[in-house]
C-alpha atoms as a PDB file:
ATOM      1  CA  MET A   1      -7.660   0.818 -13.229  1.00  0.00           C
ATOM      2  CA  PHE A   2      -6.251  -2.174 -11.552  1.00  0.00           C
ATOM      3  CA  SER A   3      -6.814  -5.982 -11.990  1.00  0.00           C
ATOM      4  CA  PHE A   4      -6.586  -6.404  -8.721  1.00  0.00           C
ATOM      5  CA  VAL A   5      -5.925  -4.512  -5.172  1.00  0.00           C
ATOM      6  CA  THR A   6      -5.133  -6.343  -1.966  1.00  0.00           C
ATOM      7  CA  GLN A   7      -6.108  -4.410   1.688  1.00  0.00           C
ATOM      8  CA  GLU A   8      -1.894  -4.028   1.955  1.00  0.00           C
ATOM      9  CA  GLY A   9      -2.302  -1.525  -1.514  1.00  0.00           C
ATOM     10  CA  VAL A  10      -5.334   0.566  -0.978  1.00  0.00           C
ATOM     11  CA  GLN A  11      -3.495   1.399   2.840  1.00  0.00           C
ATOM     12  CA  LEU A  12       0.089   2.100   0.860  1.00  0.00           C
ATOM     13  CA  LEU A  13      -1.638   4.436  -2.167  1.00  0.00           C
ATOM     14  CA  LEU A  14      -5.470   5.104  -1.328  1.00  0.00           C
ATOM     15  CA  GLU A  15      -4.825   5.630   2.032  1.00  0.00           C
ATOM     16  CA  ASP A  16      -1.146   7.620   2.609  1.00  0.00           C
ATOM     17  CA  GLU A  17      -1.319  11.124   3.648  1.00  0.00           C
ATOM     18  CA  ALA A  18      -0.210  12.564   0.542  1.00  0.00           C
ATOM     19  CA  PHE A  19      -2.577  11.110  -1.268  1.00  0.00           C
ATOM     20  CA  LEU A  20      -5.699  11.268   1.661  1.00  0.00           C
ATOM     21  CA  SER A  21      -4.682  15.130   0.737  1.00  0.00           C
ATOM     22  CA  PHE A  22      -4.915  14.945  -2.672  1.00  0.00           C
ATOM     23  CA  MET A  23      -8.992  13.352  -2.500  1.00  0.00           C
ATOM     24  CA  GLU A  24      -9.622  16.316  -0.557  1.00  0.00           C
ATOM     25  CA  LYS A  25      -9.136  18.781  -3.203  1.00  0.00           C
ATOM     26  CA  ALA A  26     -10.426  16.702  -6.271  1.00  0.00           C
ATOM     27  CA  PRO A  27     -12.567  13.601  -7.037  1.00  0.00           C
ATOM     28  CA  PHE A  28     -10.885  10.231  -7.402  1.00  0.00           C
ATOM     29  CA  GLU A  29     -12.604   7.069  -8.845  1.00  0.00           C
ATOM     30  CA  LEU A  30     -11.471   3.579  -8.834  1.00  0.00           C
ATOM     31  CA  ILE A  31     -12.108   0.488 -11.157  1.00  0.00           C
ATOM     32  CA  VAL A  32     -11.148  -3.021  -9.726  1.00  0.00           C
ATOM     33  CA  GLY A  33     -10.747  -6.419 -11.119  1.00  0.00           C
ATOM     34  CA  ILE A  34     -11.917  -9.234  -9.028  1.00  0.00           C
ATOM     35  CA  ASP A  35     -11.171 -12.424 -11.571  1.00  0.00           C
ATOM     36  CA  GLU A  36      -8.124 -12.739  -9.160  1.00  0.00           C
ATOM     37  CA  ILE A  37      -6.300 -11.759  -5.771  1.00  0.00           C
ATOM     38  CA  THR A  38      -8.876  -9.236  -4.605  1.00  0.00           C
ATOM     39  CA  ASN A  39     -10.368 -10.438  -1.575  1.00  0.00           C
ATOM     40  CA  PRO A  40     -13.884  -9.226   0.316  1.00  0.00           C
ATOM     41  CA  GLY A  41     -11.864  -7.966   3.091  1.00  0.00           C
ATOM     42  CA  ALA A  42     -10.484  -5.589  -0.151  1.00  0.00           C
ATOM     43  CA  LEU A  43     -13.555  -4.847  -0.882  1.00  0.00           C
ATOM     44  CA  SER A  44     -14.628  -3.915   2.487  1.00  0.00           C
ATOM     45  CA  ARG A  45     -12.006  -1.518   2.701  1.00  0.00           C
ATOM     46  CA  LEU A  46     -12.774   0.029  -0.185  1.00  0.00           C
ATOM     47  CA  LYS A  47     -15.847   0.532   0.917  1.00  0.00           C
ATOM     48  CA  ASP A  48     -15.348   1.892   3.616  1.00  0.00           C
ATOM     49  CA  LEU A  49     -12.902   4.661   2.467  1.00  0.00           C
ATOM     50  CA  SER A  50     -15.775   5.811  -0.133  1.00  0.00           C
ATOM     51  CA  ILE A  51     -17.765   6.263   2.738  1.00  0.00           C
ATOM     52  CA  ASN A  52     -15.601   8.822   4.671  1.00  0.00           C
ATOM     53  CA  LYS A  53     -14.166  10.181   1.852  1.00  0.00           C
ATOM     54  CA  THR A  54     -16.754  12.025  -0.226  1.00  0.00           C
ATOM     55  CA  ASN A  55     -14.557  12.523  -3.245  1.00  0.00           C
ATOM     56  CA  PHE A  56     -13.634   9.006  -3.944  1.00  0.00           C
ATOM     57  CA  SER A  57     -15.760   6.303  -5.810  1.00  0.00           C
ATOM     58  CA  VAL A  58     -14.796   2.653  -6.224  1.00  0.00           C
ATOM     59  CA  SER A  59     -16.752   0.149  -8.734  1.00  0.00           C
ATOM     60  CA  ALA A  60     -15.884  -3.589  -9.389  1.00  0.00           C
ATOM     61  CA  PHE A  61     -16.218  -5.072 -13.266  1.00  0.00           C
ATOM     62  CA  LEU A  62     -17.521  -8.124 -12.763  1.00  0.00           C
ATOM     63  CA  HIS A  63     -18.244  -9.518 -16.305  1.00  0.00           C
ATOM     64  CA  GLU A  64     -19.253 -13.204 -17.783  1.00  0.00           C
ATOM     65  CA  GLY A  65     -15.994 -14.284 -19.298  1.00  0.00           C
ATOM     66  CA  GLN A  66     -14.793 -17.712 -18.662  1.00  0.00           C
ATOM     67  CA  ARG A  67     -11.534 -17.594 -20.879  1.00  0.00           C
ATOM     68  CA  SER A  68     -10.055 -13.908 -19.836  1.00  0.00           C
ATOM     69  CA  LEU A  69      -9.496 -11.538 -17.288  1.00  0.00           C
ATOM     70  CA  PHE A  70      -9.871  -8.093 -16.655  1.00  0.00           C
ATOM     71  CA  HIS A  71      -6.469  -7.393 -16.856  1.00  0.00           C
ATOM     72  CA  PRO A  72      -5.685  -3.272 -16.786  1.00  0.00           C
ATOM     73  CA  LYS A  73      -2.977  -1.154 -14.619  1.00  0.00           C
ATOM     74  CA  PHE A  74      -3.421   2.432 -15.229  1.00  0.00           C
ATOM     75  CA  CYS A  75      -4.287   6.052 -13.349  1.00  0.00           C
ATOM     76  CA  TRP A  76      -4.515   9.844 -15.556  1.00  0.00           C
ATOM     77  CA  PHE A  77      -4.959  12.637 -13.366  1.00  0.00           C
ATOM     78  CA  LYS A  78      -6.070  15.909 -14.347  1.00  0.00           C
ATOM     79  CA  THR A  79      -4.262  19.220 -14.429  1.00  0.00           C
ATOM     80  CA  LYS A  80      -4.783  22.670 -15.300  1.00  0.00           C
ATOM     81  CA  SER A  81      -2.398  22.258 -19.016  1.00  0.00           C
ATOM     82  CA  GLY A  82      -3.321  19.019 -19.444  1.00  0.00           C
ATOM     83  CA  GLY A  83      -2.562  15.588 -17.689  1.00  0.00           C
ATOM     84  CA  LYS A  84      -0.670  12.503 -16.805  1.00  0.00           C
ATOM     85  CA  LEU A  85      -1.283   8.711 -17.165  1.00  0.00           C
ATOM     86  CA  VAL A  86       0.679   6.633 -15.271  1.00  0.00           C
ATOM     87  CA  ILE A  87       0.215   3.384 -16.778  1.00  0.00           C
ATOM     88  CA  GLY A  88       2.537  -0.101 -15.571  1.00  0.00           C
ATOM     89  CA  SER A  89       2.582  -3.540 -14.888  1.00  0.00           C
ATOM     90  CA  GLY A  90       1.968  -3.383 -10.812  1.00  0.00           C
ATOM     91  CA  ASN A  91      -1.425  -4.132  -9.658  1.00  0.00           C
ATOM     92  CA  LEU A  92      -2.484  -2.376  -6.377  1.00  0.00           C
ATOM     93  CA  THR A  93      -1.243  -4.781  -4.184  1.00  0.00           C
ATOM     94  CA  PHE A  94       1.680  -4.617  -1.422  1.00  0.00           C
ATOM     95  CA  ARG A  95       3.374  -6.575  -4.259  1.00  0.00           C
ATOM     96  CA  GLY A  96       2.985  -4.536  -7.252  1.00  0.00           C
ATOM     97  CA  LEU A  97       3.599  -1.471  -5.197  1.00  0.00           C
ATOM     98  CA  ARG A  98       6.620  -2.330  -3.281  1.00  0.00           C
ATOM     99  CA  ASN A  99       8.283  -6.052  -3.500  1.00  0.00           C
ATOM    100  CA  ASN A 100       8.353  -6.970  -7.430  1.00  0.00           C
ATOM    101  CA  TRP A 101      10.079  -5.764 -10.383  1.00  0.00           C
ATOM    102  CA  GLU A 102       7.701  -3.766 -11.816  1.00  0.00           C
ATOM    103  CA  ALA A 103       7.796  -1.412 -14.714  1.00  0.00           C
ATOM    104  CA  TYR A 104       5.728   2.454 -15.001  1.00  0.00           C
ATOM    105  CA  SER A 105       5.757   5.016 -17.073  1.00  0.00           C
ATOM    106  CA  ILE A 106       4.902   8.119 -16.436  1.00  0.00           C
ATOM    107  CA  ILE A 107       3.221  10.442 -20.253  1.00  0.00           C
ATOM    108  CA  GLU A 108       2.403  13.801 -19.945  1.00  0.00           C
ATOM    109  CA  LEU A 109      -0.819  14.768 -22.158  1.00  0.00           C
ATOM    110  CA  ASP A 110      -1.280  18.060 -23.285  1.00  0.00           C
ATOM    111  CA  ALA A 111      -5.065  19.367 -23.456  1.00  0.00           C
ATOM    112  CA  ASP A 112      -6.492  18.005 -26.555  1.00  0.00           C
ATOM    113  CA  GLU A 113      -4.333  14.202 -25.053  1.00  0.00           C
ATOM    114  CA  LEU A 114      -6.797  14.637 -21.928  1.00  0.00           C
ATOM    115  CA  SER A 115      -9.761  15.242 -23.772  1.00  0.00           C
ATOM    116  CA  SER A 116      -9.122  12.633 -25.717  1.00  0.00           C
ATOM    117  CA  LEU A 117      -8.491  10.065 -23.215  1.00  0.00           C
ATOM    118  CA  GLU A 118     -11.615  11.710 -20.918  1.00  0.00           C
ATOM    119  CA  SER A 119     -14.033  10.432 -23.922  1.00  0.00           C
ATOM    120  CA  THR A 120     -12.593   7.299 -24.101  1.00  0.00           C
ATOM    121  CA  TRP A 121     -12.776   6.750 -20.377  1.00  0.00           C
ATOM    122  CA  SER A 122     -16.768   8.101 -20.594  1.00  0.00           C
ATOM    123  CA  ARG A 123     -17.205   5.363 -24.383  1.00  0.00           C
ATOM    124  CA  TRP A 124     -15.670   2.471 -22.165  1.00  0.00           C
ATOM    125  CA  ARG A 125     -17.642   3.106 -18.896  1.00  0.00           C
ATOM    126  CA  ASN A 126     -20.762   3.523 -20.720  1.00  0.00           C
ATOM    127  CA  LEU A 127     -20.242   0.396 -22.902  1.00  0.00           C
ATOM    128  CA  HIS A 128     -19.631  -1.879 -19.722  1.00  0.00           C
ATOM    129  CA  SER A 129     -21.684   0.162 -17.181  1.00  0.00           C
ATOM    130  CA  ASN A 130     -23.827  -3.485 -16.910  1.00  0.00           C
ATOM    131  CA  GLU A 131     -20.461  -5.218 -15.505  1.00  0.00           C
ATOM    132  CA  LEU A 132     -19.454  -2.045 -13.121  1.00  0.00           C
ATOM    133  CA  LYS A 133     -21.186  -3.129  -9.905  1.00  0.00           C
ATOM    134  CA  PRO A 134     -20.872  -1.808  -6.552  1.00  0.00           C
ATOM    135  CA  VAL A 135     -18.073  -3.639  -4.156  1.00  0.00           C
ATOM    136  CA  ASP A 136     -20.643  -4.593  -1.611  1.00  0.00           C
ATOM    137  CA  ASN A 137     -22.620  -6.116  -4.392  1.00  0.00           C
ATOM    138  CA  ARG A 138     -23.384  -9.890  -3.646  1.00  0.00           C
ATOM    139  CA  LYS A 139     -22.026 -11.456  -6.955  1.00  0.00           C
ATOM    140  CA  VAL A 140     -18.879  -9.726  -6.411  1.00  0.00           C
ATOM    141  CA  ILE A 141     -18.112 -10.313  -2.997  1.00  0.00           C
ATOM    142  CA  GLU A 142     -19.147 -13.895  -3.814  1.00  0.00           C
ATOM    143  CA  LYS A 143     -16.516 -14.177  -6.663  1.00  0.00           C
ATOM    144  CA  ALA A 144     -14.081 -12.624  -4.412  1.00  0.00           C
ATOM    145  CA  LYS A 145     -14.408 -15.369  -1.814  1.00  0.00           C
ATOM    146  CA  LEU A 146     -13.642 -17.897  -4.619  1.00  0.00           C
ATOM    147  CA  ASN A 147     -10.301 -15.516  -4.974  1.00  0.00           C
ATOM    148  CA  LEU A 148     -10.071 -16.486  -0.986  1.00  0.00           C
ATOM    149  CA  TRP A 149      -9.958 -19.983  -1.242  1.00  0.00           C
ATOM    150  CA  LYS A 150      -7.797 -20.071  -4.377  1.00  0.00           C
ATOM    151  CA  ARG A 151      -4.861 -18.907  -2.398  1.00  0.00           C
ATOM    152  CA  LYS A 152      -5.767 -20.767   0.029  1.00  0.00           C
ATOM    153  CA  ILE A 153      -4.808 -23.314  -1.178  1.00  0.00           C
ATOM    154  CA  SER A 154      -1.521 -21.547  -3.017  1.00  0.00           C
ATOM    155  CA  VAL A 155      -0.458 -20.642   0.443  1.00  0.00           C
ATOM    156  CA  THR A 156      -1.416 -24.795   2.124  1.00  0.00           C
ATOM    157  CA  GLU A 157       1.260 -26.322  -0.598  1.00  0.00           C
ATOM    158  CA  ASP A 158       3.751 -24.101   1.315  1.00  0.00           C
ATOM    159  CA  THR A 159       3.065 -24.271   4.738  1.00  0.00           C
ATOM    160  CA  GLU A 160       0.725 -26.304   7.229  1.00  0.00           C
ATOM    161  CA  THR A 161      -0.211 -23.263   9.856  1.00  0.00           C
ATOM    162  CA  ILE A 162      -3.328 -23.105   7.875  1.00  0.00           C
ATOM    163  CA  GLU A 163      -5.924 -25.812   8.520  1.00  0.00           C
ATOM    164  CA  GLN A 164      -8.333 -27.350   6.131  1.00  0.00           C
ATOM    165  CA  SER A 165     -11.324 -27.722   8.557  1.00  0.00           C
ATOM    166  CA  LEU A 166     -11.555 -23.603   8.294  1.00  0.00           C
ATOM    167  CA  GLU A 167     -15.256 -22.423   7.324  1.00  0.00           C
ATOM    168  CA  GLU A 168     -15.369 -19.078   8.230  1.00  0.00           C
ATOM    169  CA  GLU A 169     -14.425 -16.423   5.884  1.00  0.00           C
ATOM    170  CA  HIS A 170     -13.213 -13.648   7.829  1.00  0.00           C
ATOM    171  CA  GLU A 171     -10.948 -16.639   9.805  1.00  0.00           C
ATOM    172  CA  LEU A 172      -9.622 -17.680   6.567  1.00  0.00           C
ATOM    173  CA  GLU A 173      -9.220 -14.487   5.381  1.00  0.00           C
ATOM    174  CA  GLU A 174      -6.748 -13.646   8.038  1.00  0.00           C
ATOM    175  CA  ALA A 175      -5.153 -16.781   7.929  1.00  0.00           C
ATOM    176  CA  VAL A 176      -4.121 -16.440   4.557  1.00  0.00           C
ATOM    177  CA  GLU A 177      -3.052 -12.429   4.788  1.00  0.00           C
ATOM    178  CA  MET A 178      -1.119 -13.465   8.164  1.00  0.00           C
ATOM    179  CA  HIS A 179       1.383 -15.910   6.030  1.00  0.00           C
ATOM    180  CA  GLU A 180       1.801 -13.505   2.992  1.00  0.00           C
ATOM    181  CA  ASP A 181       1.678 -10.704   5.377  1.00  0.00           C
ATOM    182  CA  SER A 182       5.068 -12.129   7.103  1.00  0.00           C
ATOM    183  CA  VAL A 183       6.594 -13.757   3.154  1.00  0.00           C
ATOM    184  CA  LEU A 184       6.556 -10.365   2.810  1.00  0.00           C
ATOM    185  CA  TRP A 185       8.794  -8.420   4.968  1.00  0.00           C
ATOM    186  CA  ASP A 186      10.518 -11.606   6.008  1.00  0.00           C
ATOM    187  CA  PHE A 187      14.241 -10.581   6.220  1.00  0.00           C
ATOM    188  CA  LYS A 188      17.700 -12.615   6.518  1.00  0.00           C
ATOM    189  CA  ASP A 189      20.754 -11.973   8.460  1.00  0.00           C
ATOM    190  CA  SER A 190      22.838 -11.061   5.605  1.00  0.00           C
ATOM    191  CA  ASP A 191      20.586  -8.060   4.890  1.00  0.00           C
ATOM    192  CA  GLU A 192      22.249  -4.767   6.494  1.00  0.00           C
ATOM    193  CA  ALA A 193      20.840  -3.506  10.122  1.00  0.00           C
ATOM    194  CA  LEU A 194      20.924  -0.875  11.891  1.00  0.00           C
ATOM    195  CA  VAL A 195      21.283  -0.185  15.814  1.00  0.00           C
ATOM    196  CA  ALA A 196      20.794   3.292  16.774  1.00  0.00           C
ATOM    197  CA  GLU A 197      20.314   5.576  19.799  1.00  0.00           C
ATOM    198  CA  ILE A 198      17.168   6.760  19.860  1.00  0.00           C
ATOM    199  CA  PRO A 199      17.612  10.429  20.987  1.00  0.00           C
ATOM    200  CA  LYS A 200      15.905  12.195  23.395  1.00  0.00           C
ATOM    201  CA  SER A 201      13.279  15.117  21.930  1.00  0.00           C
ATOM    202  CA  GLY A 202      11.086  16.721  24.275  1.00  0.00           C
ATOM    203  CA  ASP A 203       9.424  13.981  26.619  1.00  0.00           C
ATOM    204  CA  ARG A 204       8.725  11.623  23.482  1.00  0.00           C
ATOM    205  CA  TRP A 205      10.673   9.202  21.165  1.00  0.00           C
ATOM    206  CA  ARG A 206       8.711   8.999  18.664  1.00  0.00           C
ATOM    207  CA  GLN A 207      10.756  11.920  16.474  1.00  0.00           C
ATOM    208  CA  ALA A 208      13.995   9.656  15.757  1.00  0.00           C
ATOM    209  CA  ASN A 209      16.857  11.781  14.927  1.00  0.00           C
ATOM    210  CA  PHE A 210      19.819  10.319  13.054  1.00  0.00           C
ATOM    211  CA  ASP A 211      23.345  11.688  11.927  1.00  0.00           C
ATOM    212  CA  LYS A 212      23.946  12.832   7.891  1.00  0.00           C
ATOM    213  CA  GLN A 213      25.526  10.061   7.150  1.00  0.00           C
ATOM    214  CA  THR A 214      23.042   7.311   8.263  1.00  0.00           C
ATOM    215  CA  PHE A 215      20.038   9.144   7.102  1.00  0.00           C
ATOM    216  CA  VAL A 216      21.869   9.116   3.712  1.00  0.00           C
ATOM    217  CA  ASN A 217      23.633   5.842   3.485  1.00  0.00           C
ATOM    218  CA  PHE A 218      21.337   3.810   4.966  1.00  0.00           C
ATOM    219  CA  PHE A 219      18.089   4.995   4.869  1.00  0.00           C
ATOM    220  CA  GLY A 220      18.147   6.082   1.188  1.00  0.00           C
ATOM    221  CA  ALA A 221      17.491   9.782   2.092  1.00  0.00           C
ATOM    222  CA  GLU A 222      18.971  13.464   0.749  1.00  0.00           C
ATOM    223  CA  PRO A 223      19.127  16.113   3.164  1.00  0.00           C
ATOM    224  CA  GLY A 224      16.872  19.123   1.751  1.00  0.00           C
ATOM    225  CA  ASN A 225      14.292  16.889   0.406  1.00  0.00           C
ATOM    226  CA  ASN A 226      11.397  15.867   2.633  1.00  0.00           C
ATOM    227  CA  ASN A 227       9.030  15.274  -0.431  1.00  0.00           C
ATOM    228  CA  GLN A 228      11.016  11.384   0.050  1.00  0.00           C
ATOM    229  CA  ARG A 229       9.141   8.391   1.823  1.00  0.00           C
ATOM    230  CA  ILE A 230      10.355   5.056   3.209  1.00  0.00           C
ATOM    231  CA  LEU A 231       8.042   2.543   4.601  1.00  0.00           C
ATOM    232  CA  LEU A 232       8.627   1.325   8.183  1.00  0.00           C
ATOM    233  CA  ARG A 233       6.950  -1.344  10.081  1.00  0.00           C
ATOM    234  CA  ASN A 234       7.357  -2.667  13.903  1.00  0.00           C
ATOM    235  CA  VAL A 235       8.263  -6.157  15.025  1.00  0.00           C
ATOM    236  CA  ASP A 236       6.817  -6.058  18.701  1.00  0.00           C
ATOM    237  CA  SER A 237       8.360  -8.292  21.598  1.00  0.00           C
ATOM    238  CA  GLY A 238       6.479 -11.600  20.015  1.00  0.00           C
ATOM    239  CA  GLY A 239       7.489 -10.931  16.769  1.00  0.00           C
ATOM    240  CA  LYS A 240       3.527  -9.492  14.947  1.00  0.00           C
ATOM    241  CA  LEU A 241       4.119  -7.199  12.686  1.00  0.00           C
ATOM    242  CA  GLY A 242       2.480  -3.630  13.637  1.00  0.00           C
ATOM    243  CA  ALA A 243       1.002  -1.453  11.005  1.00  0.00           C
ATOM    244  CA  VAL A 244       2.662  -0.365   7.975  1.00  0.00           C
ATOM    245  CA  GLU A 245       3.659   3.466   8.410  1.00  0.00           C
ATOM    246  CA  SER A 246       4.617   5.598   4.880  1.00  0.00           C
ATOM    247  CA  ARG A 247       7.204   8.282   6.669  1.00  0.00           C
ATOM    248  CA  PRO A 248       8.417  11.118   4.646  1.00  0.00           C
ATOM    249  CA  SER A 249      12.153  12.025   5.530  1.00  0.00           C
ATOM    250  CA  VAL A 250      12.361  15.005   7.108  1.00  0.00           C
ATOM    251  CA  SER A 251      16.197  16.970   7.163  1.00  0.00           C
ATOM    252  CA  VAL A 252      15.775  21.304   8.849  1.00  0.00           C
ATOM    253  CA  ILE A 253      17.715  24.325   8.265  1.00  0.00           C
ATOM    254  CA  SER A 254      19.969  22.969  11.754  1.00  0.00           C
ATOM    255  CA  ALA A 255      20.841  20.048  10.723  1.00  0.00           C
ATOM    256  CA  ASN A 256      18.242  18.002  11.980  1.00  0.00           C
ATOM    257  CA  TYR A 257      17.364  14.527  10.241  1.00  0.00           C
ATOM    258  CA  ARG A 258      14.985  11.841  10.890  1.00  0.00           C
ATOM    259  CA  PHE A 259      12.287  10.328  10.851  1.00  0.00           C
ATOM    260  CA  GLU A 260       9.092   9.358  12.306  1.00  0.00           C
ATOM    261  CA  LEU A 261       8.198   6.320  14.214  1.00  0.00           C
ATOM    262  CA  GLY A 262       4.628   5.710  14.661  1.00  0.00           C
ATOM    263  CA  ALA A 263       5.237   3.020  17.183  1.00  0.00           C
ATOM    264  CA  ALA A 264       6.774   5.310  19.222  1.00  0.00           C
ATOM    265  CA  ALA A 265       3.793   7.346  19.657  1.00  0.00           C
ATOM    266  CA  GLY A 266       2.880   8.046  23.035  1.00  0.00           C
ATOM    267  CA  LEU A 267       6.139   6.630  24.860  1.00  0.00           C
ATOM    268  CA  ASP A 268       7.289   8.528  27.430  1.00  0.00           C
ATOM    269  CA  TYR A 269      11.338   8.569  26.715  1.00  0.00           C
ATOM    270  CA  PRO A 270      12.738   6.661  29.254  1.00  0.00           C
ATOM    271  CA  ASN A 271      14.712   7.861  32.606  1.00  0.00           C
ATOM    272  CA  ALA A 272      17.577   5.776  32.644  1.00  0.00           C
ATOM    273  CA  ASN A 273      18.595   4.867  29.590  1.00  0.00           C
ATOM    274  CA  ALA A 274      18.224   5.594  25.734  1.00  0.00           C
ATOM    275  CA  PRO A 275      15.715   3.609  23.831  1.00  0.00           C
ATOM    276  CA  ILE A 276      17.860   1.430  21.338  1.00  0.00           C
ATOM    277  CA  GLY A 277      16.575   0.866  17.962  1.00  0.00           C
ATOM    278  CA  VAL A 278      17.445  -2.627  15.273  1.00  0.00           C
ATOM    279  CA  PHE A 279      16.831  -0.904  12.053  1.00  0.00           C
ATOM    280  CA  ASN A 280      16.100  -4.215   9.734  1.00  0.00           C
ATOM    281  CA  LYS A 281      16.808  -3.383   5.558  1.00  0.00           C
ATOM    282  CA  LEU A 282      14.251  -5.377   3.820  1.00  0.00           C
ATOM    283  CA  PRO A 283      15.508  -5.603  -0.039  1.00  0.00           C
ATOM    284  CA  THR A 284      14.403  -2.611  -1.171  1.00  0.00           C
ATOM    285  CA  THR A 285      15.484   0.666   0.042  1.00  0.00           C
ATOM    286  CA  LEU A 286      12.339   2.232   0.656  1.00  0.00           C
ATOM    287  CA  ARG A 287      11.093  -1.083   2.779  1.00  0.00           C
ATOM    288  CA  SER A 288      12.957  -1.371   6.310  1.00  0.00           C
ATOM    289  CA  GLY A 289      11.269  -3.074   9.629  1.00  0.00           C
ATOM    290  CA  TYR A 290      12.215  -1.939  12.683  1.00  0.00           C
END
């Protein structure tokens, strides 16, 4: 259950390669709130994911309460011996997953505790079956549109880049997302940066190799641990942000330390001069833009 969800949050968690692999093996049910933040674009992305992944199901909690919010934030997973409960303050948003100061706890559950949790979950779902709606339900979408207009008002207090005359919801949503996106990925002149030549790897340069010191001290990776991940995002020559890339750190016995650069996929390695990568590290070590 997550009270708020954005498209970036869906991408960071549910569309991550590791999580998609998990959903190929086991079912995952998601319940999201629509009282604040959640917008039609996020609901549409969740709907598409539920169509493309048969093990994924999603519903929205639509209630009539005027003075209360649907506000839970937790996940639970069943294992062979029991389960795990992940509970904390962060929502299924970019800010909640990567940007804010949030607190989480991972609680190990034995078989009896997991059984009790499953029973509680089922009772709650049955009790609130009338409030659980498909994410493409008309009333759910109308409620999400109201959240979008609330965010527009908040944004326009700080910037004049969004015109008050915008009438089409998809145009408004795109404008709000672009503004908030640029704020989340902005960096200062004082932030740490790395200028590095990208060595040749075959005929391509998607795989960026680094020396061990850079691999550890700049990217925060641990040699031999290929389960660590960083976030990368390309900025093109016009200043436009590309897709968020969740990349594992890769180190092999041959002392090769590398990350994949999705934005360089399909590009031939230059014949004359080597590509130069400029990596700007954002405040947290798990987020970098290049």
